[in-house]
């Protein structure tokens, strides 16, 4: 056997060994299925921006967050209602921003009431984020 033939046989054996390992190696267990929350799905809407005025309807997610933080600086009944409506925004970032603004201004009870009315993964994420921000 020449050196070239021996090298080719060695490469072939190494390939067979790798293939056998790939075939017989233990497999990772399949992931558990995702649990769905019980109860009706949360209905969300961006219509809350219309209360701020027609020019705010149809804002992007980042602009709605900016609006939430701008309104949070105001301290009146209309601003509080607007922030409570923003909790229903379909974007988690906007809802979390509204929850943070309400909690930071001493209206944590309104946030807790919203989270209690709307249990599920989304409410859990908002509550966890608020706990991190406190």
C-alpha atoms as a PDB file:
ATOM      1  CA  UNK A   1       0.000   0.000   0.000  1.00  0.00           C
ATOM      2  CA  UNK A   2       1.309   3.343  -0.907  1.00  0.00           C
ATOM      3  CA  UNK A   3       1.246   6.379   1.399  1.00  0.00           C
ATOM      4  CA  UNK A   4      -1.564   7.987  -0.596  1.00  0.00           C
ATOM      5  CA  UNK A   5      -3.783   4.928  -0.266  1.00  0.00           C
ATOM      6  CA  UNK A   6      -3.117   4.719   3.473  1.00  0.00           C
ATOM      7  CA  UNK A   7      -4.043   8.413   3.915  1.00  0.00           C
ATOM      8  CA  UNK A   8      -7.251   7.912   1.920  1.00  0.00           C
ATOM      9  CA  UNK A   9      -8.226   4.887   4.033  1.00  0.00           C
ATOM     10  CA  UNK A  10      -7.531   6.886   7.200  1.00  0.00           C
ATOM     11  CA  UNK A  11      -9.748   9.777   6.021  1.00  0.00           C
ATOM     12  CA  UNK A  12     -12.489   7.294   5.080  1.00  0.00           C
ATOM     13  CA  UNK A  13     -12.328   5.628   8.510  1.00  0.00           C
ATOM     14  CA  UNK A  14     -12.428   9.007  10.254  1.00  0.00           C
ATOM     15  CA  UNK A  15     -15.491   9.946   8.179  1.00  0.00           C
ATOM     16  CA  UNK A  16     -17.201   6.691   9.083  1.00  0.00           C
ATOM     17  CA  UNK A  17     -16.439   7.238  12.773  1.00  0.00           C
ATOM     18  CA  UNK A  18     -17.872  10.762  12.695  1.00  0.00           C
ATOM     19  CA  UNK A  19     -20.961   9.537  10.836  1.00  0.00           C
ATOM     20  CA  UNK A  20     -21.497   6.710  13.325  1.00  0.00           C
ATOM     21  CA  UNK A  21     -21.193   9.128  16.245  1.00  0.00           C
ATOM     22  CA  UNK A  22     -23.670  11.544  14.657  1.00  0.00           C
ATOM     23  CA  UNK A  23     -26.143   8.714  14.089  1.00  0.00           C
ATOM     24  CA  UNK A  24     -25.870   7.039  17.517  1.00  0.00           C
ATOM     25  CA  UNK A  25     -25.237  10.104  19.742  1.00  0.00           C
ATOM     26  CA  UNK A  26     -27.907  10.855  22.360  1.00  0.00           C
ATOM     27  CA  UNK A  27     -30.477  13.413  21.261  1.00  0.00           C
ATOM     28  CA  UNK A  28     -31.614  16.471  23.181  1.00  0.00           C
ATOM     29  CA  UNK A  29     -35.067  16.076  24.739  1.00  0.00           C
ATOM     30  CA  UNK A  30     -37.795  17.999  22.918  1.00  0.00           C
ATOM     31  CA  UNK A  31     -38.808  21.290  24.499  1.00  0.00           C
ATOM     32  CA  UNK A  32     -41.941  21.382  26.605  1.00  0.00           C
ATOM     33  CA  UNK A  33     -44.973  22.855  24.870  1.00  0.00           C
ATOM     34  CA  UNK A  34     -45.799  26.470  25.681  1.00  0.00           C
ATOM     35  CA  UNK A  35     -48.620  26.854  28.196  1.00  0.00           C
ATOM     36  CA  UNK A  36     -51.435  29.100  27.109  1.00  0.00           C
ATOM     37  CA  UNK A  37     -53.093  31.301  29.739  1.00  0.00           C
ATOM     38  CA  UNK A  38     -56.597  30.446  30.780  1.00  0.00           C
ATOM     39  CA  UNK A  39     -59.390  32.866  30.111  1.00  0.00           C
ATOM     40  CA  UNK A  40     -60.215  35.134  27.220  1.00  0.00           C
ATOM     41  CA  UNK A  41     -57.372  36.775  25.315  1.00  0.00           C
ATOM     42  CA  UNK A  42     -56.449  40.333  26.228  1.00  0.00           C
ATOM     43  CA  UNK A  43     -57.915  42.804  23.756  1.00  0.00           C
ATOM     44  CA  UNK A  44     -55.445  45.591  23.027  1.00  0.00           C
ATOM     45  CA  UNK A  45     -55.778  48.707  20.964  1.00  0.00           C
ATOM     46  CA  UNK A  46     -53.804  51.797  20.013  1.00  0.00           C
ATOM     47  CA  UNK A  47     -56.986  53.891  20.110  1.00  0.00           C
ATOM     48  CA  UNK A  48     -55.847  55.410  23.420  1.00  0.00           C
ATOM     49  CA  UNK A  49     -53.627  57.804  21.434  1.00  0.00           C
ATOM     50  CA  UNK A  50     -56.719  59.431  19.958  1.00  0.00           C
ATOM     51  CA  UNK A  51     -57.581  60.778  23.401  1.00  0.00           C
ATOM     52  CA  UNK A  52     -54.342  62.749  23.228  1.00  0.00           C
ATOM     53  CA  UNK A  53     -55.479  64.249  19.942  1.00  0.00           C
ATOM     54  CA  UNK A  54     -55.905  63.322  16.313  1.00  0.00           C
ATOM     55  CA  UNK A  55     -52.268  64.106  15.522  1.00  0.00           C
ATOM     56  CA  UNK A  56     -51.173  61.302  17.879  1.00  0.00           C
ATOM     57  CA  UNK A  57     -53.368  58.584  16.383  1.00  0.00           C
ATOM     58  CA  UNK A  58     -51.349  56.093  14.349  1.00  0.00           C
ATOM     59  CA  UNK A  59     -47.992  56.797  16.006  1.00  0.00           C
ATOM     60  CA  UNK A  60     -45.223  54.228  15.844  1.00  0.00           C
ATOM     61  CA  UNK A  61     -44.345  52.200  18.920  1.00  0.00           C
ATOM     62  CA  UNK A  62     -41.329  54.334  19.809  1.00  0.00           C
ATOM     63  CA  UNK A  63     -43.326  57.533  19.400  1.00  0.00           C
ATOM     64  CA  UNK A  64     -46.094  56.150  21.623  1.00  0.00           C
ATOM     65  CA  UNK A  65     -43.435  55.483  24.285  1.00  0.00           C
ATOM     66  CA  UNK A  66     -42.239  59.073  23.910  1.00  0.00           C
ATOM     67  CA  UNK A  67     -45.841  60.241  24.312  1.00  0.00           C
ATOM     68  CA  UNK A  68     -46.242  58.154  27.468  1.00  0.00           C
ATOM     69  CA  UNK A  69     -43.151  59.691  29.074  1.00  0.00           C
ATOM     70  CA  UNK A  70     -44.182  63.197  28.011  1.00  0.00           C
ATOM     71  CA  UNK A  71     -47.660  62.730  29.491  1.00  0.00           C
ATOM     72  CA  UNK A  72     -46.137  61.243  32.664  1.00  0.00           C
ATOM     73  CA  UNK A  73     -44.579  64.632  33.399  1.00  0.00           C
ATOM     74  CA  UNK A  74     -48.056  66.169  33.604  1.00  0.00           C
ATOM     75  CA  UNK A  75     -49.997  65.736  36.816  1.00  0.00           C
ATOM     76  CA  UNK A  76     -53.704  65.941  36.049  1.00  0.00           C
ATOM     77  CA  UNK A  77     -56.702  63.630  35.732  1.00  0.00           C
ATOM     78  CA  UNK A  78     -56.656  63.488  31.927  1.00  0.00           C
ATOM     79  CA  UNK A  79     -52.981  62.496  31.878  1.00  0.00           C
ATOM     80  CA  UNK A  80     -53.631  59.750  34.425  1.00  0.00           C
ATOM     81  CA  UNK A  81     -56.517  58.391  32.327  1.00  0.00           C
ATOM     82  CA  UNK A  82     -54.359  58.501  29.220  1.00  0.00           C
ATOM     83  CA  UNK A  83     -51.603  56.523  30.961  1.00  0.00           C
ATOM     84  CA  UNK A  84     -54.139  53.965  32.197  1.00  0.00           C
ATOM     85  CA  UNK A  85     -55.435  53.555  28.634  1.00  0.00           C
ATOM     86  CA  UNK A  86     -51.840  53.140  27.432  1.00  0.00           C
ATOM     87  CA  UNK A  87     -51.601  50.009  29.588  1.00  0.00           C
ATOM     88  CA  UNK A  88     -53.841  48.361  26.950  1.00  0.00           C
ATOM     89  CA  UNK A  89     -51.427  49.142  24.112  1.00  0.00           C
ATOM     90  CA  UNK A  90     -50.565  46.032  22.051  1.00  0.00           C
ATOM     91  CA  UNK A  91     -46.840  46.793  22.288  1.00  0.00           C
ATOM     92  CA  UNK A  92     -45.300  45.502  25.504  1.00  0.00           C
ATOM     93  CA  UNK A  93     -42.809  48.370  25.518  1.00  0.00           C
ATOM     94  CA  UNK A  94     -45.564  50.999  25.510  1.00  0.00           C
ATOM     95  CA  UNK A  95     -47.613  49.205  28.163  1.00  0.00           C
ATOM     96  CA  UNK A  96     -44.531  48.771  30.346  1.00  0.00           C
ATOM     97  CA  UNK A  97     -43.615  52.438  29.895  1.00  0.00           C
ATOM     98  CA  UNK A  98     -47.122  53.437  30.973  1.00  0.00           C
ATOM     99  CA  UNK A  99     -46.984  51.099  33.975  1.00  0.00           C
ATOM    100  CA  UNK A 100     -43.613  52.517  34.987  1.00  0.00           C
ATOM    101  CA  UNK A 101     -44.842  56.099  34.592  1.00  0.00           C
ATOM    102  CA  UNK A 102     -47.918  55.391  36.706  1.00  0.00           C
ATOM    103  CA  UNK A 103     -45.932  53.571  39.390  1.00  0.00           C
ATOM    104  CA  UNK A 104     -43.263  56.293  39.516  1.00  0.00           C
ATOM    105  CA  UNK A 105     -45.902  58.975  40.013  1.00  0.00           C
ATOM    106  CA  UNK A 106     -47.455  57.177  42.984  1.00  0.00           C
ATOM    107  CA  UNK A 107     -50.268  55.454  41.102  1.00  0.00           C
ATOM    108  CA  UNK A 108     -49.044  51.905  41.612  1.00  0.00           C
ATOM    109  CA  UNK A 109     -52.551  50.818  42.675  1.00  0.00           C
ATOM    110  CA  UNK A 110     -53.851  51.523  39.152  1.00  0.00           C
ATOM    111  CA  UNK A 111     -51.093  49.340  37.685  1.00  0.00           C
ATOM    112  CA  UNK A 112     -51.765  46.536  40.174  1.00  0.00           C
ATOM    113  CA  UNK A 113     -55.494  46.698  39.379  1.00  0.00           C
ATOM    114  CA  UNK A 114     -54.758  46.443  35.647  1.00  0.00           C
ATOM    115  CA  UNK A 115     -52.431  43.477  36.154  1.00  0.00           C
ATOM    116  CA  UNK A 116     -55.042  41.745  38.327  1.00  0.00           C
ATOM    117  CA  UNK A 117     -57.753  42.279  35.670  1.00  0.00           C
ATOM    118  CA  UNK A 118     -55.512  40.932  32.890  1.00  0.00           C
ATOM    119  CA  UNK A 119     -53.546  37.946  34.199  1.00  0.00           C
ATOM    120  CA  UNK A 120     -51.235  36.080  31.856  1.00  0.00           C
ATOM    121  CA  UNK A 121     -47.715  36.119  30.434  1.00  0.00           C
ATOM    122  CA  UNK A 122     -47.940  39.754  29.339  1.00  0.00           C
ATOM    123  CA  UNK A 123     -48.963  40.922  32.805  1.00  0.00           C
ATOM    124  CA  UNK A 124     -46.183  38.776  34.284  1.00  0.00           C
ATOM    125  CA  UNK A 125     -43.591  40.409  32.002  1.00  0.00           C
ATOM    126  CA  UNK A 126     -44.812  43.896  32.921  1.00  0.00           C
ATOM    127  CA  UNK A 127     -44.750  43.067  36.649  1.00  0.00           C
ATOM    128  CA  UNK A 128     -41.230  41.585  36.385  1.00  0.00           C
ATOM    129  CA  UNK A 129     -39.960  44.611  34.506  1.00  0.00           C
ATOM    130  CA  UNK A 130     -41.481  46.971  37.068  1.00  0.00           C
ATOM    131  CA  UNK A 131     -39.829  44.977  39.846  1.00  0.00           C
ATOM    132  CA  UNK A 132     -36.471  45.420  38.109  1.00  0.00           C
ATOM    133  CA  UNK A 133     -37.017  49.151  37.685  1.00  0.00           C
ATOM    134  CA  UNK A 134     -37.967  49.727  41.338  1.00  0.00           C
END
